[in-house]
Amino acid sequence: MGYRVEVDFDLCESNAICMQIAPEVFEVRDDDFLYILAEEPGGDLRAQVEESVQRCPKQAISIAEG
């Protein structure tokens, strides 16, 4: 069963902690906005995505199972 990365962009401050943890999934660009590069990343990235969820200071990132 897969999962999907979700970001509440109203909460996100684009501080790039998630990008440091999972650069294959998250990217903060020159416009200072966060972009999700892989909304449904593979299982090999699950640990990094979970760490990004835990370490997000605004708790803007979540995982939707499905």
N, C-alpha and C. Protein backbone atom coordinates (compact mmCIF):
# COMPACT_ATOMS: atom_id res chain seq x y z
N MET A 1 0.85 -1.19 0.00
CA MET A 1 0.00 0.00 0.00
C MET A 1 0.88 1.24 0.00
N GLY A 2 0.57 2.21 -0.85
CA GLY A 2 1.37 3.42 -0.98
C GLY A 2 0.96 4.50 -0.01
N TYR A 3 1.61 5.61 -0.13
CA TYR A 3 1.31 6.77 0.70
C TYR A 3 1.53 8.03 -0.13
N ARG A 4 0.98 9.13 0.36
CA ARG A 4 1.08 10.41 -0.34
C ARG A 4 1.56 11.48 0.65
N VAL A 5 2.44 12.34 0.19
CA VAL A 5 2.93 13.45 1.01
C VAL A 5 1.98 14.62 0.83
N GLU A 6 1.58 15.21 1.94
CA GLU A 6 0.71 16.39 1.90
C GLU A 6 1.35 17.51 2.70
N VAL A 7 1.20 18.73 2.19
CA VAL A 7 1.74 19.90 2.87
C VAL A 7 0.62 20.93 3.00
N ASP A 8 0.46 21.46 4.20
CA ASP A 8 -0.45 22.57 4.42
C ASP A 8 0.34 23.85 4.14
N PHE A 9 0.16 24.38 2.95
CA PHE A 9 0.95 25.53 2.53
C PHE A 9 0.59 26.80 3.30
N ASP A 10 -0.55 26.82 4.00
CA ASP A 10 -0.88 27.96 4.85
C ASP A 10 0.00 27.98 6.10
N LEU A 11 0.46 26.80 6.52
CA LEU A 11 1.33 26.70 7.70
C LEU A 11 2.81 26.75 7.33
N CYS A 12 3.15 26.28 6.15
CA CYS A 12 4.55 26.12 5.74
C CYS A 12 5.27 27.47 5.69
N GLU A 13 6.47 27.51 6.29
CA GLU A 13 7.31 28.70 6.27
C GLU A 13 8.49 28.55 5.32
N SER A 14 8.54 27.46 4.58
CA SER A 14 9.62 27.20 3.62
C SER A 14 11.00 27.33 4.25
N ASN A 15 11.17 26.75 5.43
CA ASN A 15 12.46 26.83 6.12
C ASN A 15 13.45 25.79 5.64
N ALA A 16 13.02 24.87 4.79
CA ALA A 16 13.88 23.91 4.07
C ALA A 16 14.45 22.79 4.92
N ILE A 17 13.97 22.61 6.13
CA ILE A 17 14.43 21.46 6.92
C ILE A 17 14.06 20.17 6.20
N CYS A 18 12.85 20.10 5.67
CA CYS A 18 12.43 18.90 4.95
C CYS A 18 13.29 18.65 3.72
N MET A 19 13.69 19.71 3.06
CA MET A 19 14.53 19.57 1.87
C MET A 19 15.90 19.02 2.25
N GLN A 20 16.42 19.40 3.40
CA GLN A 20 17.70 18.88 3.86
C GLN A 20 17.60 17.39 4.16
N ILE A 21 16.46 16.95 4.66
CA ILE A 21 16.25 15.55 5.02
C ILE A 21 15.92 14.70 3.80
N ALA A 22 15.06 15.20 2.93
CA ALA A 22 14.57 14.43 1.78
C ALA A 22 14.57 15.29 0.51
N PRO A 23 15.76 15.56 -0.05
CA PRO A 23 15.83 16.43 -1.23
C PRO A 23 15.18 15.83 -2.47
N GLU A 24 14.94 14.51 -2.47
CA GLU A 24 14.27 13.88 -3.59
C GLU A 24 12.76 14.17 -3.58
N VAL A 25 12.27 14.61 -2.41
CA VAL A 25 10.83 14.81 -2.22
C VAL A 25 10.47 16.29 -2.13
N PHE A 26 11.31 17.09 -1.47
CA PHE A 26 11.00 18.49 -1.20
C PHE A 26 12.07 19.40 -1.79
N GLU A 27 11.62 20.58 -2.24
CA GLU A 27 12.56 21.58 -2.74
C GLU A 27 12.03 22.97 -2.45
N VAL A 28 12.88 23.80 -1.85
CA VAL A 28 12.57 25.23 -1.69
C VAL A 28 13.37 25.95 -2.77
N ARG A 29 12.66 26.63 -3.64
CA ARG A 29 13.28 27.29 -4.79
C ARG A 29 13.61 28.74 -4.49
N ASP A 30 14.18 29.40 -5.46
CA ASP A 30 14.60 30.79 -5.30
C ASP A 30 13.45 31.73 -4.97
N ASP A 31 12.22 31.30 -5.27
CA ASP A 31 11.06 32.14 -4.94
C ASP A 31 10.62 31.96 -3.48
N ASP A 32 11.39 31.17 -2.71
CA ASP A 32 11.13 30.90 -1.29
C ASP A 32 9.83 30.15 -1.04
N PHE A 33 9.39 29.36 -2.00
CA PHE A 33 8.22 28.50 -1.81
C PHE A 33 8.67 27.04 -1.85
N LEU A 34 7.99 26.23 -1.05
CA LEU A 34 8.25 24.80 -1.01
C LEU A 34 7.50 24.11 -2.15
N TYR A 35 8.17 23.20 -2.82
CA TYR A 35 7.57 22.39 -3.87
C TYR A 35 7.73 20.93 -3.51
N ILE A 36 6.69 20.15 -3.76
CA ILE A 36 6.76 18.70 -3.56
C ILE A 36 7.18 18.10 -4.89
N LEU A 37 8.34 17.47 -4.91
CA LEU A 37 8.88 16.89 -6.13
C LEU A 37 8.30 15.50 -6.40
N ALA A 38 7.92 14.81 -5.32
CA ALA A 38 7.37 13.46 -5.45
C ALA A 38 6.22 13.33 -4.45
N GLU A 39 4.99 13.49 -4.93
CA GLU A 39 3.84 13.39 -4.03
C GLU A 39 3.60 11.98 -3.53
N GLU A 40 4.03 10.99 -4.31
CA GLU A 40 3.89 9.59 -3.91
C GLU A 40 5.25 8.91 -4.01
N PRO A 41 6.16 9.27 -3.09
CA PRO A 41 7.51 8.69 -3.15
C PRO A 41 7.49 7.21 -2.81
N GLY A 42 8.50 6.52 -3.25
CA GLY A 42 8.59 5.09 -3.00
C GLY A 42 8.88 4.77 -1.53
N GLY A 43 8.74 3.51 -1.23
CA GLY A 43 8.98 3.05 0.13
C GLY A 43 10.40 3.29 0.60
N ASP A 44 11.34 3.38 -0.34
CA ASP A 44 12.74 3.62 0.04
C ASP A 44 12.94 5.01 0.64
N LEU A 45 12.00 5.92 0.42
CA LEU A 45 12.11 7.28 0.97
C LEU A 45 11.21 7.48 2.19
N ARG A 46 10.50 6.45 2.59
CA ARG A 46 9.52 6.58 3.69
C ARG A 46 10.16 7.11 4.97
N ALA A 47 11.32 6.58 5.34
CA ALA A 47 11.97 7.02 6.59
C ALA A 47 12.30 8.51 6.55
N GLN A 48 12.79 9.00 5.41
CA GLN A 48 13.12 10.42 5.30
C GLN A 48 11.87 11.28 5.35
N VAL A 49 10.78 10.81 4.71
CA VAL A 49 9.53 11.57 4.74
C VAL A 49 9.00 11.63 6.17
N GLU A 50 9.04 10.50 6.88
CA GLU A 50 8.57 10.48 8.26
C GLU A 50 9.40 11.41 9.14
N GLU A 51 10.72 11.45 8.91
CA GLU A 51 11.57 12.37 9.67
C GLU A 51 11.22 13.82 9.34
N SER A 52 10.91 14.09 8.08
CA SER A 52 10.50 15.44 7.68
C SER A 52 9.22 15.85 8.39
N VAL A 53 8.27 14.93 8.48
CA VAL A 53 7.02 15.20 9.20
C VAL A 53 7.32 15.55 10.65
N GLN A 54 8.17 14.76 11.29
CA GLN A 54 8.47 14.96 12.71
C GLN A 54 9.25 16.24 12.97
N ARG A 55 10.14 16.61 12.06
CA ARG A 55 11.02 17.75 12.30
C ARG A 55 10.51 19.07 11.75
N CYS A 56 9.39 19.06 11.03
CA CYS A 56 8.84 20.31 10.52
C CYS A 56 8.42 21.20 11.69
N PRO A 57 9.01 22.38 11.84
CA PRO A 57 8.69 23.22 12.99
C PRO A 57 7.25 23.73 13.01
N LYS A 58 6.61 23.80 11.86
CA LYS A 58 5.22 24.26 11.79
C LYS A 58 4.22 23.12 11.67
N GLN A 59 4.72 21.87 11.67
CA GLN A 59 3.88 20.68 11.52
C GLN A 59 2.98 20.80 10.28
N ALA A 60 3.59 21.25 9.19
CA ALA A 60 2.84 21.48 7.95
C ALA A 60 2.81 20.25 7.03
N ILE A 61 3.65 19.26 7.34
CA ILE A 61 3.78 18.08 6.48
C ILE A 61 3.06 16.90 7.12
N SER A 62 2.35 16.14 6.29
CA SER A 62 1.69 14.94 6.79
C SER A 62 1.77 13.84 5.73
N ILE A 63 1.47 12.62 6.17
CA ILE A 63 1.45 11.46 5.29
C ILE A 63 0.02 10.94 5.23
N ALA A 64 -0.48 10.77 4.02
CA ALA A 64 -1.81 10.18 3.82
C ALA A 64 -1.61 8.77 3.30
N GLU A 65 -2.10 7.82 4.04
CA GLU A 65 -1.99 6.42 3.62
C GLU A 65 -2.97 6.14 2.51
N GLY A 66 -2.57 5.28 1.60
CA GLY A 66 -3.54 4.96 0.60
C GLY A 66 -2.98 4.36 -0.59
